Amino acid sequence: MNFDCKEFHAPTAAAVRQQIESGAALYVRSRHLRRLLPLAPEDFSQDNIPATRAIVLRLANAMRQERRLGRMGHWTYDLNRHIALAQAYRAEKQFLESLEASEPAAC
């Protein structure tokens, strides 16, 4: 899921993409996720495939909701939250891909 930059000019879109990439590289699940999603500590402390898939799904839904608020021009829309969600989503998606790649193939 890519950040939708259709409404931005090219320099702005590049800056937002760079911010998402650098934030995803510095992402720490235990510190950042608790501020973005209402999860119990045991939900984000597990490093297995089903738990990570659930987190990725919840982040995608939260991004969808934040995008909807932005398009409506709603007063509660927060660009910083939207970028933080995109950073967390990208980092969790990469983590999920690495978990799936390291999982032994089923017979």
PDB file of N, CA and C in Angstrom:
ATOM      1  N   MET A   1       0.840  -1.166   0.000  1.00  0.00           N
ATOM      2  CA  MET A   1       0.000   0.000   0.000  1.00  0.00           C
ATOM      3  C   MET A   1       0.892   1.238   0.000  1.00  0.00           C
ATOM      4  N   ASN A   2       0.812   2.037  -1.047  1.00  0.00           N
ATOM      5  CA  ASN A   2       1.632   3.233  -1.178  1.00  0.00           C
ATOM      6  C   ASN A   2       0.875   4.445  -0.703  1.00  0.00           C
ATOM      7  N   PHE A   3       1.609   5.432  -0.288  1.00  0.00           N
ATOM      8  CA  PHE A   3       1.025   6.702   0.111  1.00  0.00           C
ATOM      9  C   PHE A   3       0.535   7.391  -1.147  1.00  0.00           C
ATOM     10  N   ASP A   4      -0.707   7.857  -1.154  1.00  0.00           N
ATOM     11  CA  ASP A   4      -1.305   8.469  -2.321  1.00  0.00           C
ATOM     12  C   ASP A   4      -0.831   9.915  -2.428  1.00  0.00           C
ATOM     13  N   CYS A   5      -0.014  10.213  -3.401  1.00  0.00           N
ATOM     14  CA  CYS A   5       0.567  11.546  -3.540  1.00  0.00           C
ATOM     15  C   CYS A   5       0.039  12.275  -4.770  1.00  0.00           C
ATOM     16  N   LYS A   6      -1.130  11.921  -5.268  1.00  0.00           N
ATOM     17  CA  LYS A   6      -1.640  12.519  -6.494  1.00  0.00           C
ATOM     18  C   LYS A   6      -1.898  14.011  -6.345  1.00  0.00           C
ATOM     19  N   GLU A   7      -2.316  14.446  -5.151  1.00  0.00           N
ATOM     20  CA  GLU A   7      -2.643  15.854  -4.962  1.00  0.00           C
ATOM     21  C   GLU A   7      -1.420  16.708  -4.671  1.00  0.00           C
ATOM     22  N   PHE A   8      -0.263  16.097  -4.456  1.00  0.00           N
ATOM     23  CA  PHE A   8       0.946  16.848  -4.116  1.00  0.00           C
ATOM     24  C   PHE A   8       1.739  17.185  -5.377  1.00  0.00           C
ATOM     25  N   HIS A   9       2.487  18.240  -5.282  1.00  0.00           N
ATOM     26  CA  HIS A   9       3.449  18.537  -6.333  1.00  0.00           C
ATOM     27  C   HIS A   9       4.617  17.579  -6.177  1.00  0.00           C
ATOM     28  N   ALA A  10       5.401  17.434  -7.220  1.00  0.00           N
ATOM     29  CA  ALA A  10       6.499  16.456  -7.215  1.00  0.00           C
ATOM     30  C   ALA A  10       7.487  16.652  -6.067  1.00  0.00           C
ATOM     31  N   PRO A  11       7.949  17.861  -5.761  1.00  0.00           N
ATOM     32  CA  PRO A  11       8.901  18.006  -4.650  1.00  0.00           C
ATOM     33  C   PRO A  11       8.277  17.636  -3.300  1.00  0.00           C
ATOM     34  N   THR A  12       7.026  17.974  -3.118  1.00  0.00           N
ATOM     35  CA  THR A  12       6.343  17.644  -1.870  1.00  0.00           C
ATOM     36  C   THR A  12       6.162  16.144  -1.750  1.00  0.00           C
ATOM     37  N   ALA A  13       5.773  15.495  -2.835  1.00  0.00           N
ATOM     38  CA  ALA A  13       5.594  14.043  -2.821  1.00  0.00           C
ATOM     39  C   ALA A  13       6.903  13.338  -2.509  1.00  0.00           C
ATOM     40  N   ALA A  14       7.999  13.824  -3.076  1.00  0.00           N
ATOM     41  CA  ALA A  14       9.303  13.224  -2.816  1.00  0.00           C
ATOM     42  C   ALA A  14       9.693  13.394  -1.351  1.00  0.00           C
ATOM     43  N   ALA A  15       9.392  14.550  -0.779  1.00  0.00           N
ATOM     44  CA  ALA A  15       9.715  14.794   0.632  1.00  0.00           C
ATOM     45  C   ALA A  15       8.900  13.885   1.547  1.00  0.00           C
ATOM     46  N   VAL A  16       7.629  13.692   1.224  1.00  0.00           N
ATOM     47  CA  VAL A  16       6.773  12.815   2.034  1.00  0.00           C
ATOM     48  C   VAL A  16       7.257  11.375   1.920  1.00  0.00           C
ATOM     49  N   ARG A  17       7.583  10.926   0.715  1.00  0.00           N
ATOM     50  CA  ARG A  17       8.099   9.568   0.536  1.00  0.00           C
ATOM     51  C   ARG A  17       9.391   9.345   1.318  1.00  0.00           C
ATOM     52  N   GLN A  18      10.280  10.337   1.291  1.00  0.00           N
ATOM     53  CA  GLN A  18      11.534  10.239   2.026  1.00  0.00           C
ATOM     54  C   GLN A  18      11.275  10.188   3.533  1.00  0.00           C
ATOM     55  N   GLN A  19      10.309  10.966   4.013  1.00  0.00           N
ATOM     56  CA  GLN A  19       9.964  10.959   5.431  1.00  0.00           C
ATOM     57  C   GLN A  19       9.411   9.600   5.847  1.00  0.00           C
ATOM     58  N   ILE A  20       8.591   8.995   5.009  1.00  0.00           N
ATOM     59  CA  ILE A  20       8.032   7.675   5.310  1.00  0.00           C
ATOM     60  C   ILE A  20       9.134   6.624   5.331  1.00  0.00           C
ATOM     61  N   GLU A  21      10.030   6.657   4.351  1.00  0.00           N
ATOM     62  CA  GLU A  21      11.127   5.689   4.295  1.00  0.00           C
ATOM     63  C   GLU A  21      12.045   5.797   5.507  1.00  0.00           C
ATOM     64  N   SER A  22      12.433   7.029   5.856  1.00  0.00           N
ATOM     65  CA  SER A  22      13.348   7.196   6.984  1.00  0.00           C
ATOM     66  C   SER A  22      12.672   6.843   8.302  1.00  0.00           C
ATOM     67  N   GLY A  23      11.393   7.145   8.429  1.00  0.00           N
ATOM     68  CA  GLY A  23      10.662   6.781   9.644  1.00  0.00           C
ATOM     69  C   GLY A  23      10.476   5.284   9.771  1.00  0.00           C
ATOM     70  N   ALA A  24      10.258   4.613   8.666  1.00  0.00           N
ATOM     71  CA  ALA A  24      10.103   3.158   8.698  1.00  0.00           C
ATOM     72  C   ALA A  24      11.410   2.484   9.113  1.00  0.00           C
ATOM     73  N   ALA A  25      12.534   3.073   8.717  1.00  0.00           N
ATOM     74  CA  ALA A  25      13.831   2.500   9.093  1.00  0.00           C
ATOM     75  C   ALA A  25      14.102   2.638  10.586  1.00  0.00           C
ATOM     76  N   LEU A  26      13.548   3.670  11.211  1.00  0.00           N
ATOM     77  CA  LEU A  26      13.764   3.924  12.638  1.00  0.00           C
ATOM     78  C   LEU A  26      12.642   3.384  13.520  1.00  0.00           C
ATOM     79  N   TYR A  27      11.689   2.706  12.925  1.00  0.00           N
ATOM     80  CA  TYR A  27      10.495   2.223  13.628  1.00  0.00           C
ATOM     81  C   TYR A  27      10.843   1.169  14.680  1.00  0.00           C
ATOM     82  N   VAL A  28      10.293   1.346  15.876  1.00  0.00           N
ATOM     83  CA  VAL A  28      10.416   0.373  16.964  1.00  0.00           C
ATOM     84  C   VAL A  28       8.993   0.044  17.411  1.00  0.00           C
ATOM     85  N   ARG A  29       8.583  -1.186  17.195  1.00  0.00           N
ATOM     86  CA  ARG A  29       7.210  -1.593  17.432  1.00  0.00           C
ATOM     87  C   ARG A  29       6.721  -1.250  18.834  1.00  0.00           C
ATOM     88  N   SER A  30       7.480  -1.600  19.855  1.00  0.00           N
ATOM     89  CA  SER A  30       7.013  -1.405  21.226  1.00  0.00           C
ATOM     90  C   SER A  30       6.851   0.072  21.585  1.00  0.00           C
ATOM     91  N   ARG A  31       7.587   0.938  20.936  1.00  0.00           N
ATOM     92  CA  ARG A  31       7.499   2.360  21.251  1.00  0.00           C
ATOM     93  C   ARG A  31       6.472   3.082  20.390  1.00  0.00           C
ATOM     94  N   HIS A  32       6.437   2.796  19.111  1.00  0.00           N
ATOM     95  CA  HIS A  32       5.612   3.573  18.194  1.00  0.00           C
ATOM     96  C   HIS A  32       4.188   3.051  18.034  1.00  0.00           C
ATOM     97  N   LEU A  33       4.026   1.747  18.086  1.00  0.00           N
ATOM     98  CA  LEU A  33       2.713   1.178  17.793  1.00  0.00           C
ATOM     99  C   LEU A  33       1.680   1.525  18.857  1.00  0.00           C
ATOM    100  N   ARG A  34       2.094   1.609  20.109  1.00  0.00           N
ATOM    101  CA  ARG A  34       1.134   1.898  21.177  1.00  0.00           C
ATOM    102  C   ARG A  34       0.531   3.285  21.046  1.00  0.00           C
ATOM    103  N   ARG A  35       1.186   4.187  20.344  1.00  0.00           N
ATOM    104  CA  ARG A  35       0.636   5.529  20.146  1.00  0.00           C
ATOM    105  C   ARG A  35      -0.295   5.607  18.934  1.00  0.00           C
ATOM    106  N   LEU A  36      -0.228   4.602  18.081  1.00  0.00           N
ATOM    107  CA  LEU A  36      -1.014   4.638  16.853  1.00  0.00           C
ATOM    108  C   LEU A  36      -2.295   3.815  16.918  1.00  0.00           C
ATOM    109  N   LEU A  37      -2.236   2.680  17.601  1.00  0.00           N
ATOM    110  CA  LEU A  37      -3.383   1.770  17.644  1.00  0.00           C
ATOM    111  C   LEU A  37      -3.718   1.405  19.082  1.00  0.00           C
ATOM    112  N   PRO A  38      -4.998   1.229  19.362  1.00  0.00           N
ATOM    113  CA  PRO A  38      -5.373   0.786  20.707  1.00  0.00           C
ATOM    114  C   PRO A  38      -5.162  -0.722  20.856  1.00  0.00           C
ATOM    115  N   LEU A  39      -3.963  -1.099  21.233  1.00  0.00           N
ATOM    116  CA  LEU A  39      -3.596  -2.507  21.382  1.00  0.00           C
ATOM    117  C   LEU A  39      -3.137  -2.771  22.806  1.00  0.00           C
ATOM    118  N   ALA A  40      -3.368  -3.978  23.266  1.00  0.00           N
ATOM    119  CA  ALA A  40      -2.821  -4.407  24.547  1.00  0.00           C
ATOM    120  C   ALA A  40      -1.338  -4.728  24.357  1.00  0.00           C
ATOM    121  N   PRO A  41      -0.539  -4.619  25.414  1.00  0.00           N
ATOM    122  CA  PRO A  41       0.906  -4.897  25.266  1.00  0.00           C
ATOM    123  C   PRO A  41       1.210  -6.280  24.702  1.00  0.00           C
ATOM    124  N   GLU A  42       0.399  -7.271  25.033  1.00  0.00           N
ATOM    125  CA  GLU A  42       0.665  -8.609  24.507  1.00  0.00           C
ATOM    126  C   GLU A  42       0.374  -8.710  23.009  1.00  0.00           C
ATOM    127  N   ASP A  43      -0.443  -7.796  22.478  1.00  0.00           N
ATOM    128  CA  ASP A  43      -0.728  -7.810  21.043  1.00  0.00           C
ATOM    129  C   ASP A  43       0.485  -7.414  20.210  1.00  0.00           C
ATOM    130  N   PHE A  44       1.258  -6.443  20.673  1.00  0.00           N
ATOM    131  CA  PHE A  44       2.396  -6.013  19.870  1.00  0.00           C
ATOM    132  C   PHE A  44       3.721  -6.572  20.362  1.00  0.00           C
ATOM    133  N   SER A  45       3.688  -7.417  21.375  1.00  0.00           N
ATOM    134  CA  SER A  45       4.937  -8.022  21.837  1.00  0.00           C
ATOM    135  C   SER A  45       5.222  -9.359  21.158  1.00  0.00           C
ATOM    136  N   GLN A  46       4.257  -9.880  20.414  1.00  0.00           N
ATOM    137  CA  GLN A  46       4.446 -11.156  19.727  1.00  0.00           C
ATOM    138  C   GLN A  46       5.092 -10.923  18.363  1.00  0.00           C
ATOM    139  N   ASP A  47       6.087 -11.735  18.052  1.00  0.00           N
ATOM    140  CA  ASP A  47       6.785 -11.627  16.773  1.00  0.00           C
ATOM    141  C   ASP A  47       6.499 -12.837  15.887  1.00  0.00           C
ATOM    142  N   ASN A  48       5.226 -13.157  15.724  1.00  0.00           N
ATOM    143  CA  ASN A  48       4.875 -14.278  14.868  1.00  0.00           C
ATOM    144  C   ASN A  48       4.041 -13.783  13.684  1.00  0.00           C
ATOM    145  N   ILE A  49       3.835 -14.641  12.728  1.00  0.00           N
ATOM    146  CA  ILE A  49       3.156 -14.246  11.494  1.00  0.00           C
ATOM    147  C   ILE A  49       1.696 -13.838  11.720  1.00  0.00           C
ATOM    148  N   PRO A  50       0.874 -14.619  12.450  1.00  0.00           N
ATOM    149  CA  PRO A  50      -0.525 -14.195  12.616  1.00  0.00           C
ATOM    150  C   PRO A  50      -0.679 -12.850  13.340  1.00  0.00           C
ATOM    151  N   ALA A  51       0.112 -12.621  14.362  1.00  0.00           N
ATOM    152  CA  ALA A  51       0.021 -11.354  15.099  1.00  0.00           C
ATOM    153  C   ALA A  51       0.464 -10.189  14.217  1.00  0.00           C
ATOM    154  N   THR A  52       1.507 -10.402  13.429  1.00  0.00           N
ATOM    155  CA  THR A  52       1.998  -9.338  12.554  1.00  0.00           C
ATOM    156  C   THR A  52       1.004  -9.068  11.433  1.00  0.00           C
ATOM    157  N   ARG A  53       0.375 -10.102  10.907  1.00  0.00           N
ATOM    158  CA  ARG A  53      -0.670  -9.894   9.887  1.00  0.00           C
ATOM    159  C   ARG A  53      -1.825  -9.079  10.445  1.00  0.00           C
ATOM    160  N   ALA A  54      -2.213  -9.364  11.682  1.00  0.00           N
ATOM    161  CA  ALA A  54      -3.304  -8.620  12.311  1.00  0.00           C
ATOM    162  C   ALA A  54      -2.918  -7.151  12.498  1.00  0.00           C
ATOM    163  N   ILE A  55      -1.678  -6.901  12.868  1.00  0.00           N
ATOM    164  CA  ILE A  55      -1.214  -5.520  13.039  1.00  0.00           C
ATOM    165  C   ILE A  55      -1.195  -4.796  11.701  1.00  0.00           C
ATOM    166  N   VAL A  56      -0.715  -5.462  10.660  1.00  0.00           N
ATOM    167  CA  VAL A  56      -0.686  -4.854   9.328  1.00  0.00           C
ATOM    168  C   VAL A  56      -2.101  -4.517   8.869  1.00  0.00           C
ATOM    169  N   LEU A  57      -3.035  -5.402   9.111  1.00  0.00           N
ATOM    170  CA  LEU A  57      -4.429  -5.160   8.730  1.00  0.00           C
ATOM    171  C   LEU A  57      -5.005  -3.975   9.498  1.00  0.00           C
ATOM    172  N   ARG A  58      -4.742  -3.911  10.794  1.00  0.00           N
ATOM    173  CA  ARG A  58      -5.263  -2.798  11.601  1.00  0.00           C
ATOM    174  C   ARG A  58      -4.628  -1.477  11.180  1.00  0.00           C
ATOM    175  N   LEU A  59      -3.346  -1.501  10.840  1.00  0.00           N
ATOM    176  CA  LEU A  59      -2.698  -0.282  10.354  1.00  0.00           C
ATOM    177  C   LEU A  59      -3.289   0.158   9.015  1.00  0.00           C
ATOM    178  N   ALA A  60      -3.556  -0.791   8.136  1.00  0.00           N
ATOM    179  CA  ALA A  60      -4.164  -0.462   6.838  1.00  0.00           C
ATOM    180  C   ALA A  60      -5.541   0.162   7.036  1.00  0.00           C
ATOM    181  N   ASN A  61      -6.321  -0.386   7.958  1.00  0.00           N
ATOM    182  CA  ASN A  61      -7.639   0.177   8.236  1.00  0.00           C
ATOM    183  C   ASN A  61      -7.541   1.571   8.837  1.00  0.00           C
ATOM    184  N   ALA A  62      -6.584   1.782   9.734  1.00  0.00           N
ATOM    185  CA  ALA A  62      -6.393   3.099  10.341  1.00  0.00           C
ATOM    186  C   ALA A  62      -5.943   4.115   9.295  1.00  0.00           C
ATOM    187  N   MET A  63      -5.078   3.690   8.364  1.00  0.00           N
ATOM    188  CA  MET A  63      -4.659   4.588   7.286  1.00  0.00           C
ATOM    189  C   MET A  63      -5.829   4.935   6.378  1.00  0.00           C
ATOM    190  N   ARG A  64      -6.661   3.958   6.094  1.00  0.00           N
ATOM    191  CA  ARG A  64      -7.838   4.193   5.260  1.00  0.00           C
ATOM    192  C   ARG A  64      -8.766   5.215   5.916  1.00  0.00           C
ATOM    193  N   GLN A  65      -8.965   5.079   7.227  1.00  0.00           N
ATOM    194  CA  GLN A  65      -9.811   6.011   7.958  1.00  0.00           C
ATOM    195  C   GLN A  65      -9.191   7.412   7.972  1.00  0.00           C
ATOM    196  N   GLU A  66      -7.902   7.490   8.187  1.00  0.00           N
ATOM    197  CA  GLU A  66      -7.232   8.794   8.213  1.00  0.00           C
ATOM    198  C   GLU A  66      -7.289   9.452   6.838  1.00  0.00           C
ATOM    199  N   ARG A  67      -7.117   8.672   5.789  1.00  0.00           N
ATOM    200  CA  ARG A  67      -7.214   9.203   4.422  1.00  0.00           C
ATOM    201  C   ARG A  67      -8.620   9.728   4.159  1.00  0.00           C
ATOM    202  N   ARG A  68      -9.614   8.987   4.637  1.00  0.00           N
ATOM    203  CA  ARG A  68     -11.003   9.404   4.469  1.00  0.00           C
ATOM    204  C   ARG A  68     -11.246  10.754   5.164  1.00  0.00           C
ATOM    205  N   LEU A  69     -10.718  10.905   6.367  1.00  0.00           N
ATOM    206  CA  LEU A  69     -10.866  12.167   7.089  1.00  0.00           C
ATOM    207  C   LEU A  69     -10.197  13.314   6.331  1.00  0.00           C
ATOM    208  N   GLY A  70      -9.036  13.056   5.770  1.00  0.00           N
ATOM    209  CA  GLY A  70      -8.330  14.082   5.016  1.00  0.00           C
ATOM    210  C   GLY A  70      -9.074  14.501   3.767  1.00  0.00           C
ATOM    211  N   ARG A  71      -9.631  13.554   3.066  1.00  0.00           N
ATOM    212  CA  ARG A  71     -10.364  13.875   1.836  1.00  0.00           C
ATOM    213  C   ARG A  71     -11.643  14.649   2.125  1.00  0.00           C
ATOM    214  N   MET A  72     -12.240  14.370   3.283  1.00  0.00           N
ATOM    215  CA  MET A  72     -13.458  15.093   3.670  1.00  0.00           C
ATOM    216  C   MET A  72     -13.152  16.485   4.198  1.00  0.00           C
ATOM    217  N   GLY A  73     -11.887  16.735   4.505  1.00  0.00           N
ATOM    218  CA  GLY A  73     -11.527  18.009   5.095  1.00  0.00           C
ATOM    219  C   GLY A  73     -11.961  18.103   6.549  1.00  0.00           C
ATOM    220  N   HIS A  74     -12.060  16.965   7.205  1.00  0.00           N
ATOM    221  CA  HIS A  74     -12.523  16.917   8.588  1.00  0.00           C
ATOM    222  C   HIS A  74     -11.510  17.570   9.514  1.00  0.00           C
ATOM    223  N   TRP A  75     -11.995  18.238  10.543  1.00  0.00           N
ATOM    224  CA  TRP A  75     -11.109  18.988  11.434  1.00  0.00           C
ATOM    225  C   TRP A  75     -10.212  18.078  12.275  1.00  0.00           C
ATOM    226  N   THR A  76     -10.535  16.791  12.404  1.00  0.00           N
ATOM    227  CA  THR A  76      -9.705  15.891  13.203  1.00  0.00           C
ATOM    228  C   THR A  76      -8.580  15.248  12.400  1.00  0.00           C
ATOM    229  N   TYR A  77      -8.521  15.516  11.087  1.00  0.00           N
ATOM    230  CA  TYR A  77      -7.452  14.936  10.273  1.00  0.00           C
ATOM    231  C   TYR A  77      -6.107  15.462  10.746  1.00  0.00           C
ATOM    232  N   ASP A  78      -5.118  14.554  10.823  1.00  0.00           N
ATOM    233  CA  ASP A  78      -3.784  14.926  11.274  1.00  0.00           C
ATOM    234  C   ASP A  78      -2.766  14.346  10.294  1.00  0.00           C
ATOM    235  N   LEU A  79      -2.091  15.212   9.570  1.00  0.00           N
ATOM    236  CA  LEU A  79      -1.105  14.770   8.595  1.00  0.00           C
ATOM    237  C   LEU A  79       0.033  14.008   9.264  1.00  0.00           C
ATOM    238  N   ASN A  80       0.450  14.449  10.442  1.00  0.00           N
ATOM    239  CA  ASN A  80       1.528  13.756  11.149  1.00  0.00           C
ATOM    240  C   ASN A  80       1.118  12.335  11.518  1.00  0.00           C
ATOM    241  N   ARG A  81      -0.131  12.136  11.952  1.00  0.00           N
ATOM    242  CA  ARG A  81      -0.616  10.786  12.261  1.00  0.00           C
ATOM    243  C   ARG A  81      -0.650   9.940  10.991  1.00  0.00           C
ATOM    244  N   HIS A  82      -1.075  10.543   9.888  1.00  0.00           N
ATOM    245  CA  HIS A  82      -1.149   9.824   8.620  1.00  0.00           C
ATOM    246  C   HIS A  82       0.250   9.342   8.200  1.00  0.00           C
ATOM    247  N   ILE A  83       1.241  10.215   8.331  1.00  0.00           N
ATOM    248  CA  ILE A  83       2.611   9.831   7.991  1.00  0.00           C
ATOM    249  C   ILE A  83       3.120   8.760   8.947  1.00  0.00           C
ATOM    250  N   ALA A  84       2.823   8.899  10.250  1.00  0.00           N
ATOM    251  CA  ALA A  84       3.259   7.892  11.234  1.00  0.00           C
ATOM    252  C   ALA A  84       2.621   6.540  10.946  1.00  0.00           C
ATOM    253  N   LEU A  85       1.353   6.532  10.551  1.00  0.00           N
ATOM    254  CA  LEU A  85       0.696   5.275  10.187  1.00  0.00           C
ATOM    255  C   LEU A  85       1.359   4.655   8.961  1.00  0.00           C
ATOM    256  N   ALA A  86       1.699   5.478   7.974  1.00  0.00           N
ATOM    257  CA  ALA A  86       2.360   4.969   6.764  1.00  0.00           C
ATOM    258  C   ALA A  86       3.743   4.404   7.093  1.00  0.00           C
ATOM    259  N   GLN A  87       4.471   5.060   7.990  1.00  0.00           N
ATOM    260  CA  GLN A  87       5.779   4.569   8.407  1.00  0.00           C
ATOM    261  C   GLN A  87       5.653   3.219   9.109  1.00  0.00           C
ATOM    262  N   ALA A  88       4.707   3.136  10.044  1.00  0.00           N
ATOM    263  CA  ALA A  88       4.506   1.887  10.783  1.00  0.00           C
ATOM    264  C   ALA A  88       4.038   0.780   9.844  1.00  0.00           C
ATOM    265  N   TYR A  89       3.148   1.110   8.919  1.00  0.00           N
ATOM    266  CA  TYR A  89       2.651   0.110   7.974  1.00  0.00           C
ATOM    267  C   TYR A  89       3.794  -0.441   7.129  1.00  0.00           C
ATOM    268  N   ARG A  90       4.639   0.454   6.610  1.00  0.00           N
ATOM    269  CA  ARG A  90       5.750   0.012   5.772  1.00  0.00           C
ATOM    270  C   ARG A  90       6.708  -0.878   6.564  1.00  0.00           C
ATOM    271  N   ALA A  91       7.020  -0.477   7.803  1.00  0.00           N
ATOM    272  CA  ALA A  91       7.952  -1.264   8.624  1.00  0.00           C
ATOM    273  C   ALA A  91       7.353  -2.620   8.984  1.00  0.00           C
ATOM    274  N   GLU A  92       6.075  -2.652   9.359  1.00  0.00           N
ATOM    275  CA  GLU A  92       5.427  -3.917   9.712  1.00  0.00           C
ATOM    276  C   GLU A  92       5.284  -4.819   8.494  1.00  0.00           C
ATOM    277  N   LYS A  93       5.007  -4.245   7.346  1.00  0.00           N
ATOM    278  CA  LYS A  93       4.898  -5.037   6.111  1.00  0.00           C
ATOM    279  C   LYS A  93       6.248  -5.681   5.767  1.00  0.00           C
ATOM    280  N   GLN A  94       7.329  -4.923   5.911  1.00  0.00           N
ATOM    281  CA  GLN A  94       8.663  -5.479   5.661  1.00  0.00           C
ATOM    282  C   GLN A  94       8.990  -6.574   6.671  1.00  0.00           C
ATOM    283  N   PHE A  95       8.607  -6.359   7.936  1.00  0.00           N
ATOM    284  CA  PHE A  95       8.846  -7.369   8.967  1.00  0.00           C
ATOM    285  C   PHE A  95       8.059  -8.640   8.665  1.00  0.00           C
ATOM    286  N   LEU A  96       6.808  -8.487   8.225  1.00  0.00           N
ATOM    287  CA  LEU A  96       5.987  -9.643   7.874  1.00  0.00           C
ATOM    288  C   LEU A  96       6.610 -10.404   6.706  1.00  0.00           C
ATOM    289  N   GLU A  97       7.087  -9.700   5.707  1.00  0.00           N
ATOM    290  CA  GLU A  97       7.725 -10.361   4.565  1.00  0.00           C
ATOM    291  C   GLU A  97       8.976 -11.129   4.987  1.00  0.00           C
ATOM    292  N   SER A  98       9.741 -10.565   5.926  1.00  0.00           N
ATOM    293  CA  SER A  98      10.936 -11.273   6.392  1.00  0.00           C
ATOM    294  C   SER A  98      10.559 -12.506   7.216  1.00  0.00           C
ATOM    295  N   LEU A  99       9.481 -12.420   7.997  1.00  0.00           N
ATOM    296  CA  LEU A  99       9.017 -13.588   8.751  1.00  0.00           C
ATOM    297  C   LEU A  99       8.547 -14.689   7.806  1.00  0.00           C
ATOM    298  N   GLU A 100       7.801 -14.308   6.788  1.00  0.00           N
ATOM    299  CA  GLU A 100       7.299 -15.298   5.838  1.00  0.00           C
ATOM    300  C   GLU A 100       8.428 -15.923   5.030  1.00  0.00           C
ATOM    301  N   ALA A 101       9.454 -15.147   4.735  1.00  0.00           N
ATOM    302  CA  ALA A 101      10.596 -15.675   3.977  1.00  0.00           C
ATOM    303  C   ALA A 101      11.420 -16.643   4.822  1.00  0.00           C
ATOM    304  N   SER A 102      11.472 -16.416   6.119  1.00  0.00           N
ATOM    305  CA  SER A 102      12.281 -17.275   6.983  1.00  0.00           C
ATOM    306  C   SER A 102      11.518 -18.515   7.474  1.00  0.00           C
ATOM    307  N   GLU A 103      10.206 -18.539   7.223  1.00  0.00           N
ATOM    308  CA  GLU A 103       9.406 -19.688   7.626  1.00  0.00           C
ATOM    309  C   GLU A 103       9.706 -20.876   6.710  1.00  0.00           C
ATOM    310  N   PRO A 104       9.895 -22.062   7.285  1.00  0.00           N
ATOM    311  CA  PRO A 104      10.139 -23.243   6.426  1.00  0.00           C
ATOM    312  C   PRO A 104       8.896 -23.576   5.609  1.00  0.00           C
ATOM    313  N   ALA A 105       9.136 -24.033   4.397  1.00  0.00           N
ATOM    314  CA  ALA A 105       8.036 -24.379   3.491  1.00  0.00           C
ATOM    315  C   ALA A 105       7.293 -25.609   4.001  1.00  0.00           C
ATOM    316  N   ALA A 106       5.954 -25.550   3.903  1.00  0.00           N
ATOM    317  CA  ALA A 106       5.128 -26.677   4.324  1.00  0.00           C
ATOM    318  C   ALA A 106       5.071 -27.720   3.214  1.00  0.00           C
ATOM    319  N   CYS A 107       5.018 -28.969   3.600  1.00  0.00           N
ATOM    320  CA  CYS A 107       4.975 -30.056   2.604  1.00  0.00           C
ATOM    321  C   CYS A 107       3.587 -30.347   2.166  1.00  0.00           C
TER     322      CYS A 107
END
